[in-house]
């Protein structure tokens, strides 16, 4: 059961591990769709909002570290010094948190889901049906936040650069937000219903008229379970295996529905090359050697 959880970006199998051959093909075939997107090629986007799709324990801390060292983050930080990017970023991520936890009363289900210390956690309230007004407000917050971030980056750089904005790299200085992993709730009644919804994310992107893509990250199943049950006690081992298996099913369906938005399939366990290089290009590295020096 544990081995069946494992997914990989590459082709073939490795010591009984599964793979994401179907998604790999979809990702490759999506490049033509992406090149025809109104935000690409002839109309270069000012900002590309990137969302990391992965189960908890699959590498969101690595995502934060890699993005923080990237050329895109340096451009973003420089713009932050001149413009107030923190406010719209918080507005965007709080809106997403509300949308992704709509089955629970209140969108803040405890502290940050990815913090190694495991501190500052509280149990979420009893699950409740979301109201249309709350959902509409949350959706509008995401749209407004994205529009303002794009506008402020345009104000800073014009159309000279495309700056990657990592939606769920979780910057403590800006917001006690979420890594938005699958799931990102804690061990409570709302845990298995608190996970990202790419349908809602991409609807908001379309409404905001911003370029959005996602990166799929995979990792060895045993390492995922150890990270989330030993290093951090999110759940008991047996329950965690069941939860991760369910979340992988959700991820597969969402990736099938939005295969044209897959920007990269990133294997956490790969040392370099392939999927790692795809991530470096997304984040603005022009030199593979410079990126690998940072990545290593």
Protein backbone atom coordinates (compact mmCIF):
# COMPACT_ATOMS: atom_id res chain seq x y z
CA UNK A 1 0.00 0.00 0.00
CA UNK A 2 2.85 2.35 0.84
CA UNK A 3 4.69 1.67 -2.42
CA UNK A 4 1.51 2.35 -4.38
CA UNK A 5 1.56 5.88 -2.97
CA UNK A 6 4.83 6.75 -4.63
CA UNK A 7 4.75 8.84 -7.77
CA UNK A 8 7.59 9.86 -10.01
CA UNK A 9 8.04 12.41 -12.75
CA UNK A 10 10.29 10.26 -14.91
CA UNK A 11 9.42 7.30 -17.07
CA UNK A 12 9.86 3.69 -16.12
CA UNK A 13 9.93 2.19 -12.66
CA UNK A 14 12.55 2.24 -9.95
CA UNK A 15 12.68 -0.53 -7.36
CA UNK A 16 8.95 -1.05 -7.47
CA UNK A 17 8.16 2.66 -7.32
CA UNK A 18 5.27 4.03 -9.35
CA UNK A 19 5.50 6.95 -11.74
CA UNK A 20 3.48 9.71 -13.34
CA UNK A 21 3.91 8.68 -16.96
CA UNK A 22 0.47 9.96 -17.90
CA UNK A 23 1.09 13.34 -16.31
CA UNK A 24 4.55 13.44 -17.87
CA UNK A 25 3.00 13.05 -21.33
CA UNK A 26 0.31 15.60 -20.50
CA UNK A 27 2.92 18.04 -19.25
CA UNK A 28 4.95 17.68 -22.43
CA UNK A 29 1.91 18.04 -24.67
CA UNK A 30 0.83 21.10 -22.72
CA UNK A 31 3.74 23.19 -23.97
CA UNK A 32 1.92 23.93 -27.22
CA UNK A 33 -1.11 25.09 -25.27
CA UNK A 34 1.03 27.28 -23.05
CA UNK A 35 2.74 28.85 -26.05
CA UNK A 36 -0.64 29.80 -27.47
CA UNK A 37 -1.81 31.33 -24.20
CA UNK A 38 -2.52 35.06 -24.45
CA UNK A 39 -0.04 35.71 -21.65
CA UNK A 40 2.84 33.94 -23.39
CA UNK A 41 5.05 34.32 -26.44
CA UNK A 42 3.79 37.49 -28.17
CA UNK A 43 2.51 39.00 -24.94
CA UNK A 44 5.11 38.25 -22.31
CA UNK A 45 3.60 38.17 -18.81
CA UNK A 46 4.80 40.68 -16.26
CA UNK A 47 4.30 38.13 -13.50
CA UNK A 48 3.79 34.38 -13.49
CA UNK A 49 2.10 33.07 -10.36
CA UNK A 50 3.49 29.63 -9.52
CA UNK A 51 1.77 27.12 -7.27
CA UNK A 52 3.56 24.04 -5.91
CA UNK A 53 1.35 20.94 -6.00
CA UNK A 54 2.45 18.18 -3.63
CA UNK A 55 1.45 16.18 -0.58
CA UNK A 56 2.65 17.44 2.78
CA UNK A 57 6.22 16.35 3.39
CA UNK A 58 7.08 16.25 -0.31
CA UNK A 59 9.32 19.33 -0.38
CA UNK A 60 7.57 22.62 0.34
CA UNK A 61 10.45 23.76 2.55
CA UNK A 62 12.82 23.08 -0.36
CA UNK A 63 10.50 25.09 -2.62
CA UNK A 64 10.76 28.04 -0.26
CA UNK A 65 14.56 27.80 -0.09
CA UNK A 66 15.01 27.50 -3.85
CA UNK A 67 12.62 30.37 -4.59
CA UNK A 68 14.22 32.57 -1.92
CA UNK A 69 17.59 32.22 -3.67
CA UNK A 70 16.21 32.77 -7.18
CA UNK A 71 16.57 35.77 -9.53
CA UNK A 72 12.78 36.12 -9.52
CA UNK A 73 12.72 36.48 -5.75
CA UNK A 74 15.47 39.10 -5.91
CA UNK A 75 13.36 41.09 -8.37
CA UNK A 76 10.31 40.59 -6.17
CA UNK A 77 12.22 41.76 -3.09
CA UNK A 78 13.50 44.83 -4.91
CA UNK A 79 9.94 45.71 -5.89
CA UNK A 80 8.86 45.10 -2.30
CA UNK A 81 11.34 47.77 -1.17
CA UNK A 82 9.65 50.31 -3.46
CA UNK A 83 6.03 49.12 -3.37
CA UNK A 84 3.81 47.57 -0.73
CA UNK A 85 3.66 44.03 -2.08
CA UNK A 86 3.05 42.45 1.32
CA UNK A 87 -0.52 43.72 1.61
CA UNK A 88 -1.83 42.26 -1.69
CA UNK A 89 0.15 39.05 -1.12
CA UNK A 90 -1.53 38.56 2.25
CA UNK A 91 -4.89 39.38 0.70
CA UNK A 92 -4.33 36.74 -1.99
CA UNK A 93 -3.14 33.95 0.32
CA UNK A 94 -5.82 34.57 2.94
CA UNK A 95 -8.43 34.41 0.22
CA UNK A 96 -7.02 31.11 -1.02
CA UNK A 97 -6.93 29.74 2.52
CA UNK A 98 -10.61 30.57 2.90
CA UNK A 99 -11.48 28.96 -0.43
CA UNK A 100 -9.48 25.83 0.28
CA UNK A 101 -10.97 25.36 3.76
CA UNK A 102 -14.54 26.30 2.87
CA UNK A 103 -15.89 23.15 4.52
CA UNK A 104 -14.92 24.45 7.95
CA UNK A 105 -16.14 27.46 9.89
CA UNK A 106 -13.28 29.94 9.73
CA UNK A 107 -10.41 29.57 7.31
CA UNK A 108 -7.51 29.63 9.75
CA UNK A 109 -7.00 26.01 10.81
CA UNK A 110 -4.19 26.54 13.26
CA UNK A 111 -0.59 27.65 12.69
CA UNK A 112 1.49 27.19 9.56
CA UNK A 113 1.16 23.64 8.29
CA UNK A 114 4.80 23.30 7.32
CA UNK A 115 6.64 24.54 10.40
CA UNK A 116 9.09 21.96 11.73
CA UNK A 117 8.50 22.89 15.34
CA UNK A 118 4.85 21.88 15.24
CA UNK A 119 4.08 24.72 17.63
CA UNK A 120 1.25 27.23 17.55
CA UNK A 121 -1.29 24.65 16.42
CA UNK A 122 -4.92 24.59 17.33
CA UNK A 123 -7.75 22.31 16.36
CA UNK A 124 -10.02 23.55 13.61
CA UNK A 125 -13.69 24.21 14.31
CA UNK A 126 -16.39 21.70 13.51
CA UNK A 127 -16.92 21.33 9.73
CA UNK A 128 -19.70 23.53 8.39
CA UNK A 129 -21.20 24.36 5.03
CA UNK A 130 -19.64 27.46 3.46
CA UNK A 131 -21.81 30.45 2.72
CA UNK A 132 -21.97 31.97 -0.75
CA UNK A 133 -21.05 35.39 0.63
CA UNK A 134 -17.92 34.06 2.31
CA UNK A 135 -16.84 32.22 -0.83
CA UNK A 136 -17.46 35.28 -3.00
CA UNK A 137 -15.47 37.51 -0.65
CA UNK A 138 -12.58 35.05 -0.55
CA UNK A 139 -12.56 34.70 -4.33
CA UNK A 140 -12.60 38.48 -4.78
CA UNK A 141 -9.69 38.81 -2.34
CA UNK A 142 -7.60 36.40 -4.42
CA UNK A 143 -8.42 38.24 -7.64
CA UNK A 144 -7.71 41.69 -6.19
CA UNK A 145 -4.47 40.52 -4.60
CA UNK A 146 -3.20 39.05 -7.86
CA UNK A 147 -4.14 42.15 -9.84
CA UNK A 148 -2.40 44.45 -7.37
CA UNK A 149 0.78 42.37 -7.31
CA UNK A 150 0.93 42.35 -11.11
CA UNK A 151 0.25 46.09 -11.22
CA UNK A 152 2.97 46.91 -8.71
CA UNK A 153 5.51 44.72 -10.53
CA UNK A 154 4.60 46.51 -13.77
CA UNK A 155 5.05 49.83 -12.01
CA UNK A 156 8.53 48.77 -10.87
CA UNK A 157 9.86 47.02 -13.98
CA UNK A 158 7.53 47.85 -16.84
CA UNK A 159 7.48 44.90 -19.22
CA UNK A 160 11.23 44.20 -19.08
CA UNK A 161 11.02 41.13 -16.84
CA UNK A 162 8.68 38.29 -16.09
CA UNK A 163 8.83 37.80 -12.32
CA UNK A 164 7.83 34.44 -10.89
CA UNK A 165 5.63 34.85 -7.81
CA UNK A 166 5.61 31.72 -5.64
CA UNK A 167 2.12 31.64 -4.15
CA UNK A 168 2.79 28.97 -1.54
CA UNK A 169 6.46 29.42 -0.64
CA UNK A 170 5.18 30.72 2.76
CA UNK A 171 7.20 33.78 3.71
CA UNK A 172 7.11 34.27 7.47
CA UNK A 173 8.04 37.95 7.22
CA UNK A 174 5.06 38.64 5.01
CA UNK A 175 2.34 36.38 6.30
CA UNK A 176 1.77 33.48 8.63
CA UNK A 177 0.16 31.76 5.70
CA UNK A 178 0.18 28.28 4.33
CA UNK A 179 2.35 26.06 2.22
CA UNK A 180 -0.98 24.81 0.82
CA UNK A 181 0.08 21.19 0.66
CA UNK A 182 -2.30 18.25 0.19
CA UNK A 183 -3.69 18.41 2.86
CA UNK A 184 -2.72 21.45 4.92
CA UNK A 185 -5.11 20.99 7.85
CA UNK A 186 -4.06 19.49 11.14
CA UNK A 187 -5.22 16.34 12.92
CA UNK A 188 -8.85 17.32 13.41
CA UNK A 189 -12.25 17.05 11.80
CA UNK A 190 -11.28 19.39 8.96
CA UNK A 191 -7.93 17.87 8.09
CA UNK A 192 -8.91 15.76 5.09
CA UNK A 193 -11.09 18.51 3.60
CA UNK A 194 -8.38 21.20 3.72
CA UNK A 195 -6.47 20.94 0.46
CA UNK A 196 -5.92 23.12 -2.62
CA UNK A 197 -8.49 23.30 -5.39
CA UNK A 198 -6.83 24.10 -8.71
CA UNK A 199 -10.23 24.77 -10.28
CA UNK A 200 -10.76 27.72 -7.95
CA UNK A 201 -7.16 28.89 -8.27
CA UNK A 202 -7.27 29.01 -12.05
CA UNK A 203 -10.72 30.60 -12.11
CA UNK A 204 -9.28 33.40 -9.97
CA UNK A 205 -6.26 33.69 -12.28
CA UNK A 206 -8.54 34.03 -15.27
CA UNK A 207 -10.65 36.67 -13.57
CA UNK A 208 -7.53 38.59 -12.55
CA UNK A 209 -6.03 38.27 -16.04
CA UNK A 210 -2.73 36.98 -14.73
CA UNK A 211 -0.50 34.15 -15.89
CA UNK A 212 -0.64 31.12 -13.58
CA UNK A 213 1.00 27.71 -13.72
CA UNK A 214 1.79 24.95 -11.25
CA UNK A 215 4.77 22.75 -10.47
CA UNK A 216 4.13 19.17 -9.45
CA UNK A 217 6.60 17.86 -6.86
CA UNK A 218 7.10 14.18 -6.00
CA UNK A 219 9.14 12.41 -3.35
CA UNK A 220 9.91 8.90 -2.11
CA UNK A 221 6.85 7.63 -0.21
CA UNK A 222 8.79 6.41 2.81
CA UNK A 223 10.43 9.81 3.19
CA UNK A 224 7.03 11.51 3.00
CA UNK A 225 5.63 9.29 5.76
CA UNK A 226 8.72 9.74 7.94
CA UNK A 227 8.61 13.51 7.47
CA UNK A 228 4.97 13.76 8.52
CA UNK A 229 4.77 11.12 11.27
CA UNK A 230 8.25 11.04 12.84
CA UNK A 231 9.91 14.38 12.14
CA UNK A 232 6.54 16.10 12.58
CA UNK A 233 3.58 14.30 14.04
CA UNK A 234 0.74 15.25 11.72
CA UNK A 235 -0.99 11.89 12.14
CA UNK A 236 -0.49 8.26 13.10
CA UNK A 237 1.33 6.19 10.46
CA UNK A 238 -1.62 4.07 9.37
CA UNK A 239 -3.97 7.02 9.07
CA UNK A 240 -1.33 9.10 7.32
CA UNK A 241 -0.81 6.44 4.65
CA UNK A 242 -4.55 6.44 3.95
CA UNK A 243 -4.66 10.24 3.88
CA UNK A 244 -1.69 10.51 1.52
CA UNK A 245 -3.20 7.91 -0.80
CA UNK A 246 -6.45 9.91 -0.94
CA UNK A 247 -4.59 13.16 -1.53
CA UNK A 248 -2.62 11.63 -4.41
CA UNK A 249 -5.92 10.67 -6.03
CA UNK A 250 -7.11 14.26 -5.67
CA UNK A 251 -3.85 15.55 -7.15
CA UNK A 252 -4.06 13.19 -10.12
CA UNK A 253 -7.59 14.31 -10.96
CA UNK A 254 -6.71 18.00 -10.64
CA UNK A 255 -3.60 17.58 -12.78
CA UNK A 256 -5.58 15.76 -15.44
CA UNK A 257 -8.09 18.61 -15.49
CA UNK A 258 -5.37 21.26 -15.70
CA UNK A 259 -2.62 19.45 -17.60
CA UNK A 260 -2.12 22.53 -19.80
CA UNK A 261 -0.93 24.45 -16.72
CA UNK A 262 1.79 22.01 -15.61
CA UNK A 263 5.00 24.01 -15.88
CA UNK A 264 7.32 21.36 -14.44
CA UNK A 265 7.28 17.96 -12.79
CA UNK A 266 9.93 18.08 -10.06
CA UNK A 267 11.44 14.98 -8.49
CA UNK A 268 12.59 15.90 -4.98
CA UNK A 269 15.07 13.00 -4.96
CA UNK A 270 16.75 13.97 -8.25
CA UNK A 271 20.17 15.54 -7.70
CA UNK A 272 20.19 17.65 -10.85
CA UNK A 273 19.19 17.77 -14.51
CA UNK A 274 15.78 17.16 -16.03
CA UNK A 275 12.96 18.34 -13.79
CA UNK A 276 15.33 20.33 -11.56
CA UNK A 277 16.53 22.37 -14.53
CA UNK A 278 12.92 23.07 -15.51
CA UNK A 279 12.32 24.58 -12.08
CA UNK A 280 15.44 26.74 -12.35
CA UNK A 281 14.27 28.19 -15.66
CA UNK A 282 10.86 29.01 -14.21
CA UNK A 283 12.48 30.94 -11.37
CA UNK A 284 14.70 33.02 -13.63
CA UNK A 285 18.08 31.30 -13.61
CA UNK A 286 19.76 31.69 -16.99
CA UNK A 287 22.80 29.64 -16.02
CA UNK A 288 22.28 26.00 -15.07
CA UNK A 289 25.69 25.96 -13.38
CA UNK A 290 24.76 28.91 -11.17
CA UNK A 291 21.51 27.24 -10.20
CA UNK A 292 23.13 23.89 -9.44
CA UNK A 293 25.71 25.60 -7.26
CA UNK A 294 22.82 27.00 -5.23
CA UNK A 295 20.75 23.80 -5.35
CA UNK A 296 23.55 21.57 -4.18
